[in-house]
Amino acid sequence: MRAQRLAATLAIIGTFAPALAVAGDTEWRRYVIPSTGTSVDMPVSIFTSDAGSPEGGIGRRFFTEDRRADLTVQSVANPGNGSPATFLARMQPPAGIIYKRVTSDFFVVSSVRKDRIWYNRCNRGNGHMNCVMINYPAAEKRQWDAVVTRISHTLRG
């Protein structure tokens, strides 16, 4: 039932976001957090504005030029190198998670809140959880799918 609700919510077709370049035009660069070794492919032609350091971790936040979407790349201390399940429970994620996958190496959670999709993936590192968090308009899900997938699948650390 939840999956059907998400599919119905995300099936809304919106206009193509001007900040979201077509796949062939997107410029990607590897973003690295030197102190933890966390790295990820980042679409620099989409996330053009540096928003500074994130709260609660080491890394950076980025926005699209129109601020409709944001990306955070960060490493968060994980005392005792706890499991992704333990770390996620300590985070106290908001209610209403629609997608959740937890393994011994990472977790992914996602949902829709206030017409925006929020997506969070964290990989277990050495004393840190290395994370990407992406927020974007739910009406533009299809346009964002490939971008979110590449960011998620390239997270290392």
N, C-alpha and C. Protein backbone atom coordinates (compact mmCIF):
# COMPACT_ATOMS: atom_id res chain seq x y z
N MET A 1 0.82 -1.19 0.00
CA MET A 1 0.00 0.00 0.00
C MET A 1 0.87 1.27 0.00
N ARG A 2 1.92 1.25 0.85
CA ARG A 2 2.80 2.42 0.89
C ARG A 2 3.45 2.68 -0.46
N ALA A 3 3.89 1.60 -1.11
CA ALA A 3 4.55 1.75 -2.41
C ALA A 3 3.58 2.34 -3.43
N GLN A 4 2.32 1.92 -3.38
CA GLN A 4 1.32 2.45 -4.30
C GLN A 4 1.08 3.93 -4.02
N ARG A 5 1.04 4.30 -2.74
CA ARG A 5 0.84 5.69 -2.37
C ARG A 5 2.00 6.55 -2.87
N LEU A 6 3.23 6.04 -2.70
CA LEU A 6 4.39 6.78 -3.19
C LEU A 6 4.34 6.91 -4.71
N ALA A 7 4.02 5.81 -5.39
CA ALA A 7 3.96 5.85 -6.85
C ALA A 7 2.92 6.87 -7.32
N ALA A 8 1.78 6.90 -6.65
CA ALA A 8 0.73 7.86 -7.03
C ALA A 8 1.20 9.28 -6.78
N THR A 9 1.85 9.50 -5.65
CA THR A 9 2.34 10.83 -5.31
C THR A 9 3.40 11.28 -6.30
N LEU A 10 4.29 10.35 -6.66
CA LEU A 10 5.42 10.72 -7.51
C LEU A 10 5.09 10.71 -8.99
N ALA A 11 3.92 10.20 -9.34
CA ALA A 11 3.52 10.15 -10.74
C ALA A 11 3.13 11.51 -11.28
N ILE A 12 3.01 12.48 -10.40
CA ILE A 12 2.68 13.83 -10.83
C ILE A 12 3.79 14.32 -11.75
N ILE A 13 3.43 14.74 -12.90
CA ILE A 13 4.44 15.20 -13.85
C ILE A 13 4.50 16.72 -13.82
N GLY A 14 5.66 17.22 -13.43
CA GLY A 14 5.84 18.65 -13.36
C GLY A 14 6.63 19.14 -14.55
N THR A 15 6.87 20.41 -14.57
CA THR A 15 7.69 20.96 -15.64
C THR A 15 9.13 20.60 -15.39
N PHE A 16 9.89 20.53 -16.44
CA PHE A 16 11.31 20.20 -16.30
C PHE A 16 12.02 21.35 -15.63
N ALA A 17 12.67 21.06 -14.53
CA ALA A 17 13.34 22.10 -13.74
C ALA A 17 14.46 22.73 -14.54
N PRO A 18 14.49 24.06 -14.64
CA PRO A 18 15.56 24.71 -15.38
C PRO A 18 16.93 24.41 -14.80
N ALA A 19 17.01 24.20 -13.50
CA ALA A 19 18.30 23.94 -12.86
C ALA A 19 18.79 22.53 -13.14
N LEU A 20 17.92 21.65 -13.59
CA LEU A 20 18.29 20.26 -13.82
C LEU A 20 18.60 20.06 -15.29
N ALA A 21 19.88 20.01 -15.58
CA ALA A 21 20.30 19.87 -16.97
C ALA A 21 19.99 18.47 -17.47
N VAL A 22 19.87 18.34 -18.77
CA VAL A 22 19.67 17.01 -19.33
C VAL A 22 20.92 16.19 -19.09
N ALA A 23 20.76 14.89 -19.00
CA ALA A 23 21.84 14.00 -18.59
C ALA A 23 23.14 14.23 -19.36
N GLY A 24 23.06 14.41 -20.68
CA GLY A 24 24.27 14.59 -21.48
C GLY A 24 24.98 15.91 -21.22
N ASP A 25 24.27 16.90 -20.69
CA ASP A 25 24.85 18.21 -20.45
C ASP A 25 25.34 18.40 -19.01
N THR A 26 25.10 17.43 -18.17
CA THR A 26 25.45 17.57 -16.76
C THR A 26 26.95 17.37 -16.57
N GLU A 27 27.57 18.32 -15.89
CA GLU A 27 28.99 18.21 -15.57
C GLU A 27 29.13 17.62 -14.17
N TRP A 28 29.89 16.55 -14.07
CA TRP A 28 30.10 15.87 -12.80
C TRP A 28 31.55 16.01 -12.37
N ARG A 29 31.74 16.15 -11.06
CA ARG A 29 33.10 16.16 -10.47
C ARG A 29 33.06 15.36 -9.18
N ARG A 30 34.19 14.84 -8.82
CA ARG A 30 34.31 14.07 -7.57
C ARG A 30 34.49 15.06 -6.44
N TYR A 31 33.59 15.02 -5.45
CA TYR A 31 33.72 15.86 -4.24
C TYR A 31 34.32 14.96 -3.17
N VAL A 32 35.34 15.47 -2.46
CA VAL A 32 36.04 14.68 -1.44
C VAL A 32 36.10 15.47 -0.13
N ILE A 33 35.83 14.76 0.96
CA ILE A 33 36.06 15.31 2.29
C ILE A 33 37.42 14.74 2.73
N PRO A 34 38.49 15.53 2.65
CA PRO A 34 39.83 15.00 2.88
C PRO A 34 40.03 14.35 4.26
N SER A 35 39.44 14.90 5.29
CA SER A 35 39.70 14.39 6.64
C SER A 35 39.12 12.99 6.88
N THR A 36 38.12 12.59 6.10
CA THR A 36 37.52 11.27 6.31
C THR A 36 37.64 10.36 5.08
N GLY A 37 38.03 10.92 3.95
CA GLY A 37 38.13 10.14 2.73
C GLY A 37 36.79 9.92 2.03
N THR A 38 35.74 10.51 2.55
CA THR A 38 34.42 10.41 1.92
C THR A 38 34.48 11.09 0.56
N SER A 39 33.89 10.44 -0.46
CA SER A 39 33.85 11.04 -1.78
C SER A 39 32.58 10.62 -2.50
N VAL A 40 32.18 11.44 -3.46
CA VAL A 40 30.96 11.19 -4.21
C VAL A 40 31.02 11.97 -5.52
N ASP A 41 30.42 11.41 -6.57
CA ASP A 41 30.24 12.17 -7.81
C ASP A 41 29.15 13.20 -7.56
N MET A 42 29.43 14.44 -7.95
CA MET A 42 28.49 15.52 -7.71
C MET A 42 28.23 16.27 -9.01
N PRO A 43 26.96 16.52 -9.35
CA PRO A 43 26.66 17.26 -10.57
C PRO A 43 26.82 18.77 -10.34
N VAL A 44 28.02 19.26 -10.62
CA VAL A 44 28.33 20.66 -10.34
C VAL A 44 27.58 21.64 -11.23
N SER A 45 27.07 21.15 -12.35
CA SER A 45 26.28 22.04 -13.21
C SER A 45 24.83 22.14 -12.72
N ILE A 46 24.46 21.32 -11.76
CA ILE A 46 23.12 21.39 -11.15
C ILE A 46 23.20 22.06 -9.79
N PHE A 47 24.10 21.58 -8.94
CA PHE A 47 24.27 22.17 -7.60
C PHE A 47 25.38 23.20 -7.68
N THR A 48 25.00 24.43 -8.00
CA THR A 48 25.96 25.48 -8.33
C THR A 48 26.29 26.40 -7.17
N SER A 49 25.50 26.37 -6.10
CA SER A 49 25.72 27.31 -4.99
C SER A 49 26.20 26.58 -3.76
N ASP A 50 27.35 27.01 -3.24
CA ASP A 50 27.91 26.45 -2.01
C ASP A 50 27.19 27.09 -0.83
N ALA A 51 26.57 26.27 0.00
CA ALA A 51 25.80 26.77 1.15
C ALA A 51 26.55 26.61 2.46
N GLY A 52 27.82 26.24 2.40
CA GLY A 52 28.62 26.16 3.62
C GLY A 52 28.56 24.80 4.29
N SER A 53 29.05 24.77 5.51
CA SER A 53 29.15 23.53 6.27
C SER A 53 27.79 23.07 6.76
N PRO A 54 27.57 21.75 6.79
CA PRO A 54 26.31 21.23 7.33
C PRO A 54 26.33 21.21 8.85
N GLU A 55 25.15 21.14 9.44
CA GLU A 55 25.07 21.01 10.89
C GLU A 55 25.37 19.56 11.27
N GLY A 56 26.15 19.38 12.31
CA GLY A 56 26.36 18.04 12.86
C GLY A 56 27.32 17.15 12.12
N GLY A 57 28.14 17.68 11.25
CA GLY A 57 29.08 16.83 10.53
C GLY A 57 30.11 17.65 9.79
N ILE A 58 31.02 16.95 9.14
CA ILE A 58 32.07 17.55 8.34
C ILE A 58 31.64 17.40 6.88
N GLY A 59 31.70 18.46 6.10
CA GLY A 59 31.34 18.36 4.69
C GLY A 59 30.82 19.68 4.15
N ARG A 60 29.91 19.61 3.17
CA ARG A 60 29.37 20.80 2.51
C ARG A 60 27.92 20.58 2.13
N ARG A 61 27.22 21.72 2.04
CA ARG A 61 25.86 21.75 1.50
C ARG A 61 25.91 22.55 0.20
N PHE A 62 25.08 22.15 -0.73
CA PHE A 62 25.00 22.81 -2.02
C PHE A 62 23.53 22.98 -2.40
N PHE A 63 23.24 24.05 -3.16
CA PHE A 63 21.89 24.31 -3.65
C PHE A 63 21.92 24.45 -5.16
N THR A 64 20.75 24.22 -5.78
CA THR A 64 20.60 24.60 -7.17
C THR A 64 20.52 26.13 -7.19
N GLU A 65 20.74 26.71 -8.35
CA GLU A 65 20.72 28.17 -8.46
C GLU A 65 19.40 28.75 -7.97
N ASP A 66 18.29 28.06 -8.25
CA ASP A 66 16.98 28.56 -7.83
C ASP A 66 16.58 28.07 -6.42
N ARG A 67 17.45 27.35 -5.77
CA ARG A 67 17.29 26.85 -4.40
C ARG A 67 16.11 25.88 -4.24
N ARG A 68 15.67 25.28 -5.36
CA ARG A 68 14.57 24.31 -5.27
C ARG A 68 15.06 22.94 -4.81
N ALA A 69 16.34 22.70 -4.91
CA ALA A 69 16.89 21.41 -4.50
C ALA A 69 18.19 21.65 -3.77
N ASP A 70 18.54 20.71 -2.89
CA ASP A 70 19.81 20.82 -2.18
C ASP A 70 20.45 19.46 -2.01
N LEU A 71 21.75 19.49 -1.85
CA LEU A 71 22.57 18.29 -1.66
C LEU A 71 23.51 18.55 -0.50
N THR A 72 23.56 17.62 0.44
CA THR A 72 24.53 17.69 1.53
C THR A 72 25.39 16.45 1.46
N VAL A 73 26.71 16.65 1.52
CA VAL A 73 27.67 15.56 1.60
C VAL A 73 28.37 15.75 2.93
N GLN A 74 28.30 14.73 3.80
CA GLN A 74 28.92 14.91 5.10
C GLN A 74 29.34 13.59 5.72
N SER A 75 30.30 13.70 6.63
CA SER A 75 30.72 12.60 7.48
C SER A 75 30.31 12.96 8.90
N VAL A 76 29.62 12.03 9.55
CA VAL A 76 29.13 12.24 10.91
C VAL A 76 29.79 11.21 11.81
N ALA A 77 30.29 11.67 12.97
CA ALA A 77 30.93 10.76 13.91
C ALA A 77 30.01 9.60 14.25
N ASN A 78 30.57 8.41 14.28
CA ASN A 78 29.85 7.18 14.61
C ASN A 78 30.62 6.45 15.70
N PRO A 79 30.47 6.92 16.94
CA PRO A 79 31.24 6.34 18.05
C PRO A 79 31.07 4.83 18.13
N GLY A 80 32.17 4.15 18.30
CA GLY A 80 32.13 2.70 18.39
C GLY A 80 31.87 2.01 17.07
N ASN A 81 31.88 2.79 15.98
CA ASN A 81 31.63 2.25 14.64
C ASN A 81 30.35 1.42 14.60
N GLY A 82 29.28 1.99 15.19
CA GLY A 82 27.99 1.30 15.26
C GLY A 82 27.44 0.95 13.89
N SER A 83 26.54 0.00 13.86
CA SER A 83 25.94 -0.46 12.61
C SER A 83 25.08 0.65 11.99
N PRO A 84 24.85 0.57 10.70
CA PRO A 84 23.94 1.53 10.07
C PRO A 84 22.55 1.53 10.73
N ALA A 85 22.05 0.37 11.14
CA ALA A 85 20.74 0.30 11.81
C ALA A 85 20.75 1.07 13.12
N THR A 86 21.82 0.92 13.89
CA THR A 86 21.95 1.63 15.16
C THR A 86 22.05 3.13 14.93
N PHE A 87 22.86 3.53 13.95
CA PHE A 87 23.03 4.94 13.63
C PHE A 87 21.71 5.56 13.19
N LEU A 88 20.99 4.86 12.33
CA LEU A 88 19.70 5.36 11.85
C LEU A 88 18.72 5.53 13.00
N ALA A 89 18.68 4.59 13.91
CA ALA A 89 17.78 4.68 15.07
C ALA A 89 18.13 5.89 15.93
N ARG A 90 19.43 6.17 16.11
CA ARG A 90 19.86 7.33 16.89
C ARG A 90 19.50 8.64 16.21
N MET A 91 19.45 8.63 14.87
CA MET A 91 19.10 9.84 14.11
C MET A 91 17.65 10.25 14.35
N GLN A 92 16.82 9.33 14.73
CA GLN A 92 15.39 9.57 14.89
C GLN A 92 14.82 10.19 13.61
N PRO A 93 14.82 9.42 12.52
CA PRO A 93 14.29 9.97 11.27
C PRO A 93 12.82 10.30 11.41
N PRO A 94 12.34 11.23 10.61
CA PRO A 94 10.93 11.62 10.69
C PRO A 94 10.01 10.44 10.39
N ALA A 95 8.80 10.53 10.90
CA ALA A 95 7.79 9.51 10.62
C ALA A 95 7.44 9.56 9.14
N GLY A 96 6.89 8.49 8.64
CA GLY A 96 6.41 8.48 7.27
C GLY A 96 7.43 8.04 6.24
N ILE A 97 8.48 7.34 6.66
CA ILE A 97 9.45 6.85 5.69
C ILE A 97 8.74 5.91 4.73
N ILE A 98 8.91 6.16 3.45
CA ILE A 98 8.26 5.34 2.42
C ILE A 98 9.21 4.27 1.91
N TYR A 99 10.49 4.60 1.80
CA TYR A 99 11.48 3.62 1.35
C TYR A 99 12.57 3.53 2.41
N LYS A 100 12.93 2.29 2.76
CA LYS A 100 13.98 2.07 3.76
C LYS A 100 14.71 0.79 3.40
N ARG A 101 16.03 0.88 3.33
CA ARG A 101 16.87 -0.30 3.13
C ARG A 101 18.05 -0.16 4.08
N VAL A 102 18.28 -1.20 4.87
CA VAL A 102 19.37 -1.19 5.84
C VAL A 102 20.17 -2.47 5.66
N THR A 103 21.49 -2.32 5.49
CA THR A 103 22.39 -3.47 5.41
C THR A 103 23.47 -3.27 6.47
N SER A 104 24.43 -4.17 6.51
CA SER A 104 25.53 -4.02 7.46
C SER A 104 26.50 -2.92 7.05
N ASP A 105 26.41 -2.47 5.78
CA ASP A 105 27.33 -1.46 5.27
C ASP A 105 26.72 -0.08 5.05
N PHE A 106 25.40 0.01 4.88
CA PHE A 106 24.78 1.30 4.59
C PHE A 106 23.29 1.25 4.93
N PHE A 107 22.69 2.46 4.92
CA PHE A 107 21.23 2.55 4.94
C PHE A 107 20.79 3.62 3.95
N VAL A 108 19.56 3.46 3.47
CA VAL A 108 18.92 4.44 2.61
C VAL A 108 17.51 4.63 3.14
N VAL A 109 17.10 5.86 3.31
CA VAL A 109 15.72 6.17 3.67
C VAL A 109 15.25 7.31 2.78
N SER A 110 13.94 7.29 2.49
CA SER A 110 13.38 8.33 1.64
C SER A 110 11.89 8.46 1.92
N SER A 111 11.39 9.66 1.65
CA SER A 111 9.96 9.91 1.81
C SER A 111 9.60 11.21 1.10
N VAL A 112 8.35 11.58 1.23
CA VAL A 112 7.85 12.84 0.68
C VAL A 112 7.34 13.67 1.85
N ARG A 113 7.78 14.92 1.89
CA ARG A 113 7.32 15.84 2.94
C ARG A 113 7.17 17.21 2.30
N LYS A 114 5.99 17.79 2.48
CA LYS A 114 5.69 19.12 1.93
C LYS A 114 6.03 19.21 0.44
N ASP A 115 5.55 18.23 -0.33
CA ASP A 115 5.74 18.19 -1.78
C ASP A 115 7.19 18.11 -2.22
N ARG A 116 8.05 17.65 -1.31
CA ARG A 116 9.47 17.48 -1.63
C ARG A 116 9.90 16.07 -1.25
N ILE A 117 10.70 15.48 -2.09
CA ILE A 117 11.29 14.18 -1.77
C ILE A 117 12.56 14.44 -0.99
N TRP A 118 12.73 13.73 0.11
CA TRP A 118 14.00 13.76 0.82
C TRP A 118 14.59 12.36 0.74
N TYR A 119 15.86 12.31 0.47
CA TYR A 119 16.59 11.06 0.26
C TYR A 119 17.86 11.12 1.09
N ASN A 120 18.14 10.07 1.83
CA ASN A 120 19.33 10.05 2.67
C ASN A 120 19.99 8.68 2.57
N ARG A 121 21.25 8.66 2.18
CA ARG A 121 22.04 7.43 2.17
C ARG A 121 23.28 7.68 3.00
N CYS A 122 23.60 6.71 3.88
CA CYS A 122 24.81 6.78 4.68
C CYS A 122 25.54 5.45 4.60
N ASN A 123 26.83 5.52 4.29
CA ASN A 123 27.70 4.35 4.26
C ASN A 123 28.52 4.32 5.55
N ARG A 124 28.69 3.13 6.09
CA ARG A 124 29.49 2.94 7.29
C ARG A 124 30.97 3.09 6.93
N GLY A 125 31.64 3.97 7.64
CA GLY A 125 33.07 4.17 7.45
C GLY A 125 33.82 3.81 8.73
N ASN A 126 35.05 4.19 8.79
CA ASN A 126 35.87 3.92 9.97
C ASN A 126 35.64 5.02 11.00
N GLY A 127 34.68 4.81 11.91
CA GLY A 127 34.37 5.80 12.93
C GLY A 127 33.44 6.91 12.47
N HIS A 128 32.97 6.83 11.23
CA HIS A 128 32.05 7.83 10.68
C HIS A 128 30.97 7.14 9.87
N MET A 129 29.86 7.83 9.72
CA MET A 129 28.87 7.48 8.71
C MET A 129 29.02 8.56 7.64
N ASN A 130 29.22 8.12 6.41
CA ASN A 130 29.46 9.02 5.30
C ASN A 130 28.17 9.11 4.49
N CYS A 131 27.61 10.32 4.40
CA CYS A 131 26.23 10.49 3.97
C CYS A 131 26.06 11.48 2.83
N VAL A 132 25.00 11.23 2.04
CA VAL A 132 24.48 12.21 1.10
C VAL A 132 23.00 12.38 1.42
N MET A 133 22.56 13.62 1.43
CA MET A 133 21.15 13.94 1.63
C MET A 133 20.73 14.85 0.50
N ILE A 134 19.64 14.48 -0.14
CA ILE A 134 19.17 15.23 -1.30
C ILE A 134 17.69 15.54 -1.10
N ASN A 135 17.30 16.78 -1.34
CA ASN A 135 15.91 17.22 -1.27
C ASN A 135 15.57 17.88 -2.60
N TYR A 136 14.42 17.50 -3.17
CA TYR A 136 14.03 18.06 -4.46
C TYR A 136 12.52 17.95 -4.62
N PRO A 137 11.93 18.73 -5.55
CA PRO A 137 10.48 18.72 -5.72
C PRO A 137 9.95 17.34 -6.15
N ALA A 138 8.93 16.87 -5.46
CA ALA A 138 8.34 15.57 -5.78
C ALA A 138 7.77 15.54 -7.20
N ALA A 139 7.28 16.65 -7.66
CA ALA A 139 6.71 16.72 -9.01
C ALA A 139 7.77 16.51 -10.10
N GLU A 140 9.05 16.57 -9.72
CA GLU A 140 10.14 16.41 -10.69
C GLU A 140 10.89 15.10 -10.49
N LYS A 141 10.26 14.13 -9.84
CA LYS A 141 10.93 12.88 -9.51
C LYS A 141 11.61 12.23 -10.72
N ARG A 142 10.89 12.11 -11.80
CA ARG A 142 11.46 11.42 -12.98
C ARG A 142 12.70 12.13 -13.51
N GLN A 143 12.70 13.45 -13.47
CA GLN A 143 13.86 14.19 -13.95
C GLN A 143 15.06 14.01 -13.02
N TRP A 144 14.80 13.76 -11.74
CA TRP A 144 15.87 13.62 -10.75
C TRP A 144 16.37 12.19 -10.57
N ASP A 145 15.61 11.20 -11.03
CA ASP A 145 15.96 9.80 -10.75
C ASP A 145 17.41 9.45 -11.09
N ALA A 146 17.86 9.76 -12.28
CA ALA A 146 19.22 9.38 -12.70
C ALA A 146 20.28 10.13 -11.89
N VAL A 147 20.01 11.38 -11.57
CA VAL A 147 20.95 12.17 -10.78
C VAL A 147 21.09 11.58 -9.37
N VAL A 148 19.97 11.32 -8.73
CA VAL A 148 19.99 10.76 -7.37
C VAL A 148 20.66 9.39 -7.37
N THR A 149 20.36 8.58 -8.36
CA THR A 149 20.96 7.24 -8.44
C THR A 149 22.47 7.32 -8.57
N ARG A 150 22.96 8.19 -9.46
CA ARG A 150 24.42 8.28 -9.62
C ARG A 150 25.07 8.80 -8.35
N ILE A 151 24.51 9.81 -7.73
CA ILE A 151 25.09 10.33 -6.49
C ILE A 151 25.14 9.21 -5.46
N SER A 152 24.04 8.52 -5.28
CA SER A 152 23.96 7.46 -4.28
C SER A 152 24.96 6.33 -4.54
N HIS A 153 25.03 5.88 -5.78
CA HIS A 153 25.88 4.74 -6.10
C HIS A 153 27.37 5.07 -6.12
N THR A 154 27.72 6.35 -6.15
CA THR A 154 29.14 6.71 -6.16
C THR A 154 29.67 7.13 -4.79
N LEU A 155 28.81 7.13 -3.78
CA LEU A 155 29.25 7.49 -2.42
C LEU A 155 30.25 6.47 -1.92
N ARG A 156 31.41 6.92 -1.52
CA ARG A 156 32.47 6.07 -0.97
C ARG A 156 32.98 6.68 0.32
N GLY A 157 33.55 5.83 1.13
CA GLY A 157 34.15 6.33 2.36
C GLY A 157 33.70 5.54 3.56
